[in-house]
Structures are given as C-alpha cells and as structure tokens.
Amino acid sequence: MILIFSIYLLLQGHNAPGGGFIAGLMTSATFVLQYVAYGIKHQRSILPLNFPMLIALGLLLSLGTGVVPMLFGKPFLTSAFGHLSLPVFGESEWATAVLFDLGVYLVVVGVTMTIITALGEN
C-alpha cells in the first residue's frame, strides 16, 4: 500500500503538492520496514538494487531535464508539456517535470537506502 501511495505522490507532484522527494521517502520507508521484518541479507536477495547507481541515474535524469531546455534557448529547468494519446487510457497530459521528479525520487531512495544499509550491516 505504501508503494502504491508513493507512486501516486510521484505522479501528482508536478501539478500539486508532493512529488519526487516525498515519494522517495515513502518508498525508502517501505524498504526499511522490510529490512526490519526480514533482515538485511534476506531483503538483499529479494531486492538486489545497486543504490549508488540509483543516485547516479537520478542525478543524471534531473540534470538532463534541466539542461535540455537550454539547448532550445529556454531557461534552465523550463518544463515542456503536451498531450499524449495512450491506447487504453486515452488522451493524457504529460510534462517534463515528471522526469525531474523521477530523478529526485531515485536520488532520495538511493541516498536513504545507502545510509540505512550501511548502518544495518555494521
């Protein structure tokens, strides 16, 4: 349930309060609860994520979202939006702010879980 709510916060954040930071904290809380319940070794076998790689990927995604508009003569972090027609869901509005929020989400999950696993392994 927490992960589903986290995804909801991530996707609504570019138009309303919420977004990548709080969604990342919610996801990290889910992983921490699983660590407490099952132990770090068991959880690593179920969820073999490289958290420092998530940090790097998130930083690249957020930075790329900010820099790309500059290539088109726009200010840093200018958001572009448009309409996308999806087969099952129909017409939907998308913005590049979602990509920035996704980058922040990955950084927050990566940093939080790197710290928690380092503390848990000692």
C-alpha atoms as a PDB file:
ATOM      1  CA  MET A   1       0.000   0.000   0.000  1.00  0.00           C
ATOM      2  CA  ILE A   2       2.807   2.399   0.826  1.00  0.00           C
ATOM      3  CA  LEU A   3       4.447   1.832  -2.569  1.00  0.00           C
ATOM      4  CA  ILE A   4       1.185   2.479  -4.400  1.00  0.00           C
ATOM      5  CA  PHE A   5       0.699   5.716  -2.458  1.00  0.00           C
ATOM      6  CA  SER A   6       4.321   6.610  -3.229  1.00  0.00           C
ATOM      7  CA  ILE A   7       3.704   6.229  -6.965  1.00  0.00           C
ATOM      8  CA  TYR A   8       0.571   8.344  -6.648  1.00  0.00           C
ATOM      9  CA  LEU A   9       2.563  11.115  -4.929  1.00  0.00           C
ATOM     10  CA  LEU A  10       5.275  10.896  -7.581  1.00  0.00           C
ATOM     11  CA  LEU A  11       2.861  11.247 -10.468  1.00  0.00           C
ATOM     12  CA  GLN A  12       0.748  14.027  -8.995  1.00  0.00           C
ATOM     13  CA  GLY A  13       3.660  16.100  -7.723  1.00  0.00           C
ATOM     14  CA  HIS A  14       4.294  18.218 -10.804  1.00  0.00           C
ATOM     15  CA  ASN A  15       0.777  19.693 -10.615  1.00  0.00           C
ATOM     16  CA  ALA A  16       0.084  19.567  -6.874  1.00  0.00           C
ATOM     17  CA  PRO A  17       1.966  19.204  -3.567  1.00  0.00           C
ATOM     18  CA  GLY A  18       4.012  16.054  -3.407  1.00  0.00           C
ATOM     19  CA  GLY A  19       6.466  14.795  -5.941  1.00  0.00           C
ATOM     20  CA  GLY A  20       9.775  13.037  -6.056  1.00  0.00           C
ATOM     21  CA  PHE A  21      11.090  13.897  -2.614  1.00  0.00           C
ATOM     22  CA  ILE A  22       8.183  12.712  -0.502  1.00  0.00           C
ATOM     23  CA  ALA A  23       7.569   9.727  -2.806  1.00  0.00           C
ATOM     24  CA  GLY A  24      11.219   8.726  -2.394  1.00  0.00           C
ATOM     25  CA  LEU A  25      10.915   8.939   1.379  1.00  0.00           C
ATOM     26  CA  MET A  26       7.766   6.793   1.311  1.00  0.00           C
ATOM     27  CA  THR A  27       9.489   4.154  -0.833  1.00  0.00           C
ATOM     28  CA  SER A  28      12.522   4.177   1.446  1.00  0.00           C
ATOM     29  CA  ALA A  29      10.249   3.723   4.459  1.00  0.00           C
ATOM     30  CA  THR A  30       8.769   0.660   2.755  1.00  0.00           C
ATOM     31  CA  PHE A  31      12.222  -0.835   2.193  1.00  0.00           C
ATOM     32  CA  VAL A  32      13.247  -0.074   5.789  1.00  0.00           C
ATOM     33  CA  LEU A  33      10.133  -1.833   7.108  1.00  0.00           C
ATOM     34  CA  GLN A  34      11.030  -4.863   5.009  1.00  0.00           C
ATOM     35  CA  TYR A  35      14.600  -4.777   6.330  1.00  0.00           C
ATOM     36  CA  VAL A  36      13.302  -4.732   9.899  1.00  0.00           C
ATOM     37  CA  ALA A  37      10.836  -7.549   9.249  1.00  0.00           C
ATOM     38  CA  TYR A  38      13.053  -9.908   7.236  1.00  0.00           C
ATOM     39  CA  GLY A  39      16.634  -8.830   7.849  1.00  0.00           C
ATOM     40  CA  ILE A  40      19.057  -7.145   5.520  1.00  0.00           C
ATOM     41  CA  LYS A  41      20.541 -10.291   3.930  1.00  0.00           C
ATOM     42  CA  HIS A  42      17.175 -11.785   3.069  1.00  0.00           C
ATOM     43  CA  GLN A  43      15.923  -8.487   1.706  1.00  0.00           C
ATOM     44  CA  ARG A  44      19.021  -8.006  -0.475  1.00  0.00           C
ATOM     45  CA  SER A  45      18.347 -11.388  -2.082  1.00  0.00           C
ATOM     46  CA  ILE A  46      14.760 -10.333  -2.871  1.00  0.00           C
ATOM     47  CA  LEU A  47      15.569  -6.755  -3.899  1.00  0.00           C
ATOM     48  CA  PRO A  48      19.092  -6.670  -5.375  1.00  0.00           C
ATOM     49  CA  LEU A  49      19.294  -2.945  -6.150  1.00  0.00           C
ATOM     50  CA  ASN A  50      22.523  -1.024  -6.505  1.00  0.00           C
ATOM     51  CA  PHE A  51      21.590   2.087  -4.526  1.00  0.00           C
ATOM     52  CA  PRO A  52      24.644   4.198  -5.520  1.00  0.00           C
ATOM     53  CA  MET A  53      23.696   3.519  -9.148  1.00  0.00           C
ATOM     54  CA  LEU A  54      20.192   4.823  -8.415  1.00  0.00           C
ATOM     55  CA  ILE A  55      21.764   8.027  -7.080  1.00  0.00           C
ATOM     56  CA  ALA A  56      23.821   8.484 -10.245  1.00  0.00           C
ATOM     57  CA  LEU A  57      20.878   7.724 -12.523  1.00  0.00           C
ATOM     58  CA  GLY A  58      18.635  10.138 -10.619  1.00  0.00           C
ATOM     59  CA  LEU A  59      21.213  12.930 -10.759  1.00  0.00           C
ATOM     60  CA  LEU A  60      21.698  12.432 -14.494  1.00  0.00           C
ATOM     61  CA  LEU A  61      17.950  12.417 -15.124  1.00  0.00           C
ATOM     62  CA  SER A  62      17.308  15.557 -13.064  1.00  0.00           C
ATOM     63  CA  LEU A  63      20.279  17.395 -14.527  1.00  0.00           C
ATOM     64  CA  GLY A  64      19.335  16.328 -18.064  1.00  0.00           C
ATOM     65  CA  THR A  65      15.790  17.561 -17.538  1.00  0.00           C
ATOM     66  CA  GLY A  66      17.206  20.926 -16.536  1.00  0.00           C
ATOM     67  CA  VAL A  67      19.848  21.228 -19.257  1.00  0.00           C
ATOM     68  CA  VAL A  68      17.870  20.092 -22.322  1.00  0.00           C
ATOM     69  CA  PRO A  69      15.671  23.238 -22.419  1.00  0.00           C
ATOM     70  CA  MET A  70      18.857  25.324 -22.556  1.00  0.00           C
ATOM     71  CA  LEU A  71      19.686  23.658 -25.883  1.00  0.00           C
ATOM     72  CA  PHE A  72      16.490  25.214 -27.247  1.00  0.00           C
ATOM     73  CA  GLY A  73      17.194  28.693 -25.871  1.00  0.00           C
ATOM     74  CA  LYS A  74      14.974  28.338 -22.795  1.00  0.00           C
ATOM     75  CA  PRO A  75      15.999  28.937 -19.148  1.00  0.00           C
ATOM     76  CA  PHE A  76      17.348  26.069 -17.030  1.00  0.00           C
ATOM     77  CA  LEU A  77      14.585  23.740 -15.764  1.00  0.00           C
ATOM     78  CA  THR A  78      11.913  25.073 -18.109  1.00  0.00           C
ATOM     79  CA  SER A  79       9.150  22.488 -18.226  1.00  0.00           C
ATOM     80  CA  ALA A  80       7.608  21.404 -21.506  1.00  0.00           C
ATOM     81  CA  PHE A  81       4.234  19.743 -21.708  1.00  0.00           C
ATOM     82  CA  GLY A  82       1.994  18.180 -24.253  1.00  0.00           C
ATOM     83  CA  HIS A  83      -0.773  15.713 -24.794  1.00  0.00           C
ATOM     84  CA  LEU A  84      -0.145  12.031 -25.306  1.00  0.00           C
ATOM     85  CA  SER A  85      -2.709   9.613 -26.662  1.00  0.00           C
ATOM     86  CA  LEU A  86      -2.412   6.213 -24.993  1.00  0.00           C
ATOM     87  CA  PRO A  87      -4.351   3.217 -26.357  1.00  0.00           C
ATOM     88  CA  VAL A  88      -6.047   2.123 -23.130  1.00  0.00           C
ATOM     89  CA  PHE A  89      -6.010   5.351 -21.120  1.00  0.00           C
ATOM     90  CA  GLY A  90      -6.919   7.802 -23.890  1.00  0.00           C
ATOM     91  CA  GLU A  91      -5.737  11.399 -24.009  1.00  0.00           C
ATOM     92  CA  SER A  92      -3.442  12.444 -21.182  1.00  0.00           C
ATOM     93  CA  GLU A  93      -1.288  15.485 -20.407  1.00  0.00           C
ATOM     94  CA  TRP A  94       2.398  14.932 -19.694  1.00  0.00           C
ATOM     95  CA  ALA A  95       5.115  17.338 -18.577  1.00  0.00           C
ATOM     96  CA  THR A  96       8.886  17.078 -18.339  1.00  0.00           C
ATOM     97  CA  ALA A  97       8.522  17.979 -14.662  1.00  0.00           C
ATOM     98  CA  VAL A  98       7.597  14.322 -14.127  1.00  0.00           C
ATOM     99  CA  LEU A  99      11.081  13.339 -15.325  1.00  0.00           C
ATOM    100  CA  PHE A 100      12.662  15.801 -12.900  1.00  0.00           C
ATOM    101  CA  ASP A 101      10.538  14.393 -10.066  1.00  0.00           C
ATOM    102  CA  LEU A 102      11.551  10.870 -11.073  1.00  0.00           C
ATOM    103  CA  GLY A 103      15.209  11.880 -10.855  1.00  0.00           C
ATOM    104  CA  VAL A 104      14.691  13.372  -7.395  1.00  0.00           C
ATOM    105  CA  TYR A 105      12.809  10.197  -6.398  1.00  0.00           C
ATOM    106  CA  LEU A 106      15.730   7.986  -7.461  1.00  0.00           C
ATOM    107  CA  VAL A 107      18.259  10.170  -5.634  1.00  0.00           C
ATOM    108  CA  VAL A 108      16.244  10.175  -2.394  1.00  0.00           C
ATOM    109  CA  VAL A 109      15.699   6.395  -2.466  1.00  0.00           C
ATOM    110  CA  GLY A 110      19.348   5.785  -3.329  1.00  0.00           C
ATOM    111  CA  VAL A 111      20.788   8.057  -0.632  1.00  0.00           C
ATOM    112  CA  THR A 112      18.393   6.946   2.086  1.00  0.00           C
ATOM    113  CA  MET A 113      18.872   3.262   1.407  1.00  0.00           C
ATOM    114  CA  THR A 114      22.663   3.590   1.097  1.00  0.00           C
ATOM    115  CA  ILE A 115      22.737   5.130   4.567  1.00  0.00           C
ATOM    116  CA  ILE A 116      20.303   2.590   6.068  1.00  0.00           C
ATOM    117  CA  THR A 117      22.096  -0.446   4.612  1.00  0.00           C
ATOM    118  CA  ALA A 118      25.480   0.908   5.750  1.00  0.00           C
ATOM    119  CA  LEU A 119      24.127   1.309   9.270  1.00  0.00           C
ATOM    120  CA  GLY A 120      22.386  -2.084   9.183  1.00  0.00           C
ATOM    121  CA  GLU A 121      25.426  -4.015   8.036  1.00  0.00           C
ATOM    122  CA  ASN A 122      27.638  -2.765  10.879  1.00  0.00           C
END
